[in-house]
Amino acid sequence: MYIEATRIIKVGEELLIDYALEIPPKARSDSLSEYTCRCGTRRCHGTMLRPT
């Protein structure tokens, strides 16, 4: 796996990745907690799943 940047990245600059994962529609609601994001940034969606 590699990441191709569209601009110059400064040394020490934080990189963010929006995984936008998808799970089957019939997934149990308790399994959704496995996809909680804990990055702590202000703009965090709180989940690694694709927004609905």
PDB file of N, CA and C in Angstrom:
ATOM      1  N   MET A   1       0.846  -1.168   0.000  1.00  0.00           N
ATOM      2  CA  MET A   1       0.000   0.000   0.000  1.00  0.00           C
ATOM      3  C   MET A   1       0.893   1.234   0.000  1.00  0.00           C
ATOM      4  N   TYR A   2       0.463   2.265  -0.674  1.00  0.00           N
ATOM      5  CA  TYR A   2       1.178   3.529  -0.659  1.00  0.00           C
ATOM      6  C   TYR A   2       0.177   4.668  -0.743  1.00  0.00           C
ATOM      7  N   ILE A   3       0.598   5.836  -0.371  1.00  0.00           N
ATOM      8  CA  ILE A   3      -0.243   7.029  -0.446  1.00  0.00           C
ATOM      9  C   ILE A   3       0.441   8.009  -1.380  1.00  0.00           C
ATOM     10  N   GLU A   4      -0.273   8.494  -2.359  1.00  0.00           N
ATOM     11  CA  GLU A   4       0.264   9.481  -3.282  1.00  0.00           C
ATOM     12  C   GLU A   4      -0.294  10.844  -2.892  1.00  0.00           C
ATOM     13  N   ALA A   5       0.576  11.765  -2.579  1.00  0.00           N
ATOM     14  CA  ALA A   5       0.160  13.096  -2.147  1.00  0.00           C
ATOM     15  C   ALA A   5      -0.102  14.002  -3.342  1.00  0.00           C
ATOM     16  N   THR A   6      -1.063  14.886  -3.201  1.00  0.00           N
ATOM     17  CA  THR A   6      -1.370  15.852  -4.249  1.00  0.00           C
ATOM     18  C   THR A   6      -0.681  17.184  -3.997  1.00  0.00           C
ATOM     19  N   ARG A   7       0.083  17.258  -2.891  1.00  0.00           N
ATOM     20  CA  ARG A   7       0.833  18.469  -2.564  1.00  0.00           C
ATOM     21  C   ARG A   7       2.043  18.068  -1.730  1.00  0.00           C
ATOM     22  N   ILE A   8       2.959  18.993  -1.534  1.00  0.00           N
ATOM     23  CA  ILE A   8       4.141  18.749  -0.718  1.00  0.00           C
ATOM     24  C   ILE A   8       3.712  18.618   0.752  1.00  0.00           C
ATOM     25  N   ILE A   9       4.204  17.588   1.422  1.00  0.00           N
ATOM     26  CA  ILE A   9       3.887  17.366   2.833  1.00  0.00           C
ATOM     27  C   ILE A   9       5.109  17.773   3.647  1.00  0.00           C
ATOM     28  N   LYS A  10       4.880  18.648   4.623  1.00  0.00           N
ATOM     29  CA  LYS A  10       5.974  19.127   5.469  1.00  0.00           C
ATOM     30  C   LYS A  10       6.418  18.035   6.438  1.00  0.00           C
ATOM     31  N   VAL A  11       7.688  18.037   6.805  1.00  0.00           N
ATOM     32  CA  VAL A  11       8.222  17.100   7.784  1.00  0.00           C
ATOM     33  C   VAL A  11       7.461  17.284   9.095  1.00  0.00           C
ATOM     34  N   GLY A  12       6.956  16.199   9.671  1.00  0.00           N
ATOM     35  CA  GLY A  12       6.227  16.259  10.938  1.00  0.00           C
ATOM     36  C   GLY A  12       4.757  16.598  10.800  1.00  0.00           C
ATOM     37  N   GLU A  13       4.289  16.897   9.586  1.00  0.00           N
ATOM     38  CA  GLU A  13       2.870  17.238   9.374  1.00  0.00           C
ATOM     39  C   GLU A  13       2.009  16.000   9.580  1.00  0.00           C
ATOM     40  N   GLU A  14       0.895  16.167  10.265  1.00  0.00           N
ATOM     41  CA  GLU A  14      -0.006  15.050  10.532  1.00  0.00           C
ATOM     42  C   GLU A  14      -0.799  14.695   9.280  1.00  0.00           C
ATOM     43  N   LEU A  15      -0.907  13.414   9.003  1.00  0.00           N
ATOM     44  CA  LEU A  15      -1.705  12.934   7.883  1.00  0.00           C
ATOM     45  C   LEU A  15      -2.988  12.323   8.409  1.00  0.00           C
ATOM     46  N   LEU A  16      -4.094  12.616   7.762  1.00  0.00           N
ATOM     47  CA  LEU A  16      -5.393  12.073   8.157  1.00  0.00           C
ATOM     48  C   LEU A  16      -5.946  11.224   7.021  1.00  0.00           C
ATOM     49  N   ILE A  17      -6.571  10.129   7.388  1.00  0.00           N
ATOM     50  CA  ILE A  17      -7.157   9.231   6.404  1.00  0.00           C
ATOM     51  C   ILE A  17      -8.623   8.999   6.768  1.00  0.00           C
ATOM     52  N   ASP A  18      -9.512   9.246   5.814  1.00  0.00           N
ATOM     53  CA  ASP A  18     -10.930   8.954   6.015  1.00  0.00           C
ATOM     54  C   ASP A  18     -11.174   7.586   5.397  1.00  0.00           C
ATOM     55  N   TYR A  19     -11.258   6.557   6.222  1.00  0.00           N
ATOM     56  CA  TYR A  19     -11.370   5.189   5.739  1.00  0.00           C
ATOM     57  C   TYR A  19     -12.685   4.921   5.001  1.00  0.00           C
ATOM     58  N   ALA A  20     -13.771   5.544   5.410  1.00  0.00           N
ATOM     59  CA  ALA A  20     -15.080   5.381   4.772  1.00  0.00           C
ATOM     60  C   ALA A  20     -15.421   3.907   4.557  1.00  0.00           C
ATOM     61  N   LEU A  21     -15.228   3.095   5.580  1.00  0.00           N
ATOM     62  CA  LEU A  21     -15.500   1.660   5.498  1.00  0.00           C
ATOM     63  C   LEU A  21     -16.994   1.410   5.369  1.00  0.00           C
ATOM     64  N   GLU A  22     -17.346   0.318   4.755  1.00  0.00           N
ATOM     65  CA  GLU A  22     -18.740  -0.094   4.630  1.00  0.00           C
ATOM     66  C   GLU A  22     -18.896  -1.468   5.249  1.00  0.00           C
ATOM     67  N   ILE A  23     -20.020  -1.681   5.928  1.00  0.00           N
ATOM     68  CA  ILE A  23     -20.323  -2.991   6.502  1.00  0.00           C
ATOM     69  C   ILE A  23     -21.666  -3.452   5.955  1.00  0.00           C
ATOM     70  N   PRO A  24     -21.952  -4.736   6.004  1.00  0.00           N
ATOM     71  CA  PRO A  24     -23.225  -5.241   5.488  1.00  0.00           C
ATOM     72  C   PRO A  24     -24.408  -4.590   6.213  1.00  0.00           C
ATOM     73  N   PRO A  25     -25.497  -4.328   5.498  1.00  0.00           N
ATOM     74  CA  PRO A  25     -26.678  -3.687   6.098  1.00  0.00           C
ATOM     75  C   PRO A  25     -27.249  -4.444   7.297  1.00  0.00           C
ATOM     76  N   LYS A  26     -27.078  -5.754   7.336  1.00  0.00           N
ATOM     77  CA  LYS A  26     -27.647  -6.552   8.419  1.00  0.00           C
ATOM     78  C   LYS A  26     -26.676  -6.740   9.582  1.00  0.00           C
ATOM     79  N   ALA A  27     -25.618  -5.953   9.642  1.00  0.00           N
ATOM     80  CA  ALA A  27     -24.643  -6.072  10.732  1.00  0.00           C
ATOM     81  C   ALA A  27     -25.304  -5.731  12.059  1.00  0.00           C
ATOM     82  N   ARG A  28     -24.908  -6.431  13.093  1.00  0.00           N
ATOM     83  CA  ARG A  28     -25.482  -6.187  14.420  1.00  0.00           C
ATOM     84  C   ARG A  28     -25.030  -4.822  14.917  1.00  0.00           C
ATOM     85  N   SER A  29     -25.933  -4.102  15.569  1.00  0.00           N
ATOM     86  CA  SER A  29     -25.625  -2.751  16.035  1.00  0.00           C
ATOM     87  C   SER A  29     -24.494  -2.739  17.060  1.00  0.00           C
ATOM     88  N   ASP A  30     -24.334  -3.808  17.847  1.00  0.00           N
ATOM     89  CA  ASP A  30     -23.258  -3.825  18.831  1.00  0.00           C
ATOM     90  C   ASP A  30     -21.890  -3.959  18.164  1.00  0.00           C
ATOM     91  N   SER A  31     -21.854  -4.456  16.931  1.00  0.00           N
ATOM     92  CA  SER A  31     -20.569  -4.560  16.235  1.00  0.00           C
ATOM     93  C   SER A  31     -20.116  -3.202  15.686  1.00  0.00           C
ATOM     94  N   LEU A  32     -21.008  -2.223  15.620  1.00  0.00           N
ATOM     95  CA  LEU A  32     -20.645  -0.896  15.125  1.00  0.00           C
ATOM     96  C   LEU A  32     -19.624  -0.213  16.026  1.00  0.00           C
ATOM     97  N   SER A  33     -19.620  -0.561  17.313  1.00  0.00           N
ATOM     98  CA  SER A  33     -18.677   0.050  18.241  1.00  0.00           C
ATOM     99  C   SER A  33     -17.231  -0.334  17.905  1.00  0.00           C
ATOM    100  N   GLU A  34     -17.050  -1.408  17.148  1.00  0.00           N
ATOM    101  CA  GLU A  34     -15.711  -1.817  16.735  1.00  0.00           C
ATOM    102  C   GLU A  34     -15.091  -0.822  15.757  1.00  0.00           C
ATOM    103  N   TYR A  35     -15.909   0.048  15.175  1.00  0.00           N
ATOM    104  CA  TYR A  35     -15.440   1.006  14.181  1.00  0.00           C
ATOM    105  C   TYR A  35     -15.363   2.431  14.732  1.00  0.00           C
ATOM    106  N   THR A  36     -15.412   2.584  16.045  1.00  0.00           N
ATOM    107  CA  THR A  36     -15.307   3.890  16.658  1.00  0.00           C
ATOM    108  C   THR A  36     -13.918   4.451  16.433  1.00  0.00           C
ATOM    109  N   CYS A  37     -13.858   5.733  16.049  1.00  0.00           N
ATOM    110  CA  CYS A  37     -12.568   6.388  15.865  1.00  0.00           C
ATOM    111  C   CYS A  37     -12.205   7.107  17.159  1.00  0.00           C
ATOM    112  N   ARG A  38     -10.968   7.008  17.538  1.00  0.00           N
ATOM    113  CA  ARG A  38     -10.504   7.633  18.781  1.00  0.00           C
ATOM    114  C   ARG A  38      -9.330   8.577  18.516  1.00  0.00           C
ATOM    115  N   CYS A  39      -9.320   9.187  17.331  1.00  0.00           N
ATOM    116  CA  CYS A  39      -8.187  10.035  16.953  1.00  0.00           C
ATOM    117  C   CYS A  39      -8.143  11.323  17.773  1.00  0.00           C
ATOM    118  N   GLY A  40      -9.296  11.819  18.199  1.00  0.00           N
ATOM    119  CA  GLY A  40      -9.336  12.994  19.062  1.00  0.00           C
ATOM    120  C   GLY A  40      -9.264  14.345  18.364  1.00  0.00           C
ATOM    121  N   THR A  41      -9.279  14.371  17.029  1.00  0.00           N
ATOM    122  CA  THR A  41      -9.244  15.658  16.348  1.00  0.00           C
ATOM    123  C   THR A  41     -10.602  16.349  16.403  1.00  0.00           C
ATOM    124  N   ARG A  42     -10.597  17.663  16.258  1.00  0.00           N
ATOM    125  CA  ARG A  42     -11.847  18.436  16.331  1.00  0.00           C
ATOM    126  C   ARG A  42     -12.830  18.066  15.228  1.00  0.00           C
ATOM    127  N   ARG A  43     -12.329  17.734  14.059  1.00  0.00           N
ATOM    128  CA  ARG A  43     -13.196  17.469  12.908  1.00  0.00           C
ATOM    129  C   ARG A  43     -13.523  15.991  12.728  1.00  0.00           C
ATOM    130  N   CYS A  44     -13.227  15.172  13.717  1.00  0.00           N
ATOM    131  CA  CYS A  44     -13.442  13.724  13.622  1.00  0.00           C
ATOM    132  C   CYS A  44     -14.929  13.398  13.490  1.00  0.00           C
ATOM    133  N   HIS A  45     -15.239  12.407  12.641  1.00  0.00           N
ATOM    134  CA  HIS A  45     -16.612  11.925  12.474  1.00  0.00           C
ATOM    135  C   HIS A  45     -17.023  10.999  13.621  1.00  0.00           C
ATOM    136  N   GLY A  46     -16.035  10.513  14.372  1.00  0.00           N
ATOM    137  CA  GLY A  46     -16.321   9.602  15.466  1.00  0.00           C
ATOM    138  C   GLY A  46     -16.433   8.148  15.047  1.00  0.00           C
ATOM    139  N   THR A  47     -16.289   7.889  13.754  1.00  0.00           N
ATOM    140  CA  THR A  47     -16.385   6.530  13.255  1.00  0.00           C
ATOM    141  C   THR A  47     -15.510   6.383  12.009  1.00  0.00           C
ATOM    142  N   MET A  48     -15.079   5.152  11.725  1.00  0.00           N
ATOM    143  CA  MET A  48     -14.321   4.895  10.512  1.00  0.00           C
ATOM    144  C   MET A  48     -15.241   4.453   9.388  1.00  0.00           C
ATOM    145  N   LEU A  49     -16.563   4.414   9.646  1.00  0.00           N
ATOM    146  CA  LEU A  49     -17.530   3.988   8.645  1.00  0.00           C
ATOM    147  C   LEU A  49     -17.935   5.157   7.749  1.00  0.00           C
ATOM    148  N   ARG A  50     -18.354   4.800   6.539  1.00  0.00           N
ATOM    149  CA  ARG A  50     -18.845   5.799   5.590  1.00  0.00           C
ATOM    150  C   ARG A  50     -20.100   6.465   6.176  1.00  0.00           C
ATOM    151  N   PRO A  51     -20.201   7.788   6.076  1.00  0.00           N
ATOM    152  CA  PRO A  51     -21.408   8.475   6.577  1.00  0.00           C
ATOM    153  C   PRO A  51     -22.657   7.959   5.859  1.00  0.00           C
ATOM    154  N   THR A  52     -23.747   7.864   6.587  1.00  0.00           N
ATOM    155  CA  THR A  52     -24.999   7.373   5.986  1.00  0.00           C
ATOM    156  C   THR A  52     -25.844   8.515   5.502  1.00  0.00           C
TER     157      THR A  52
END
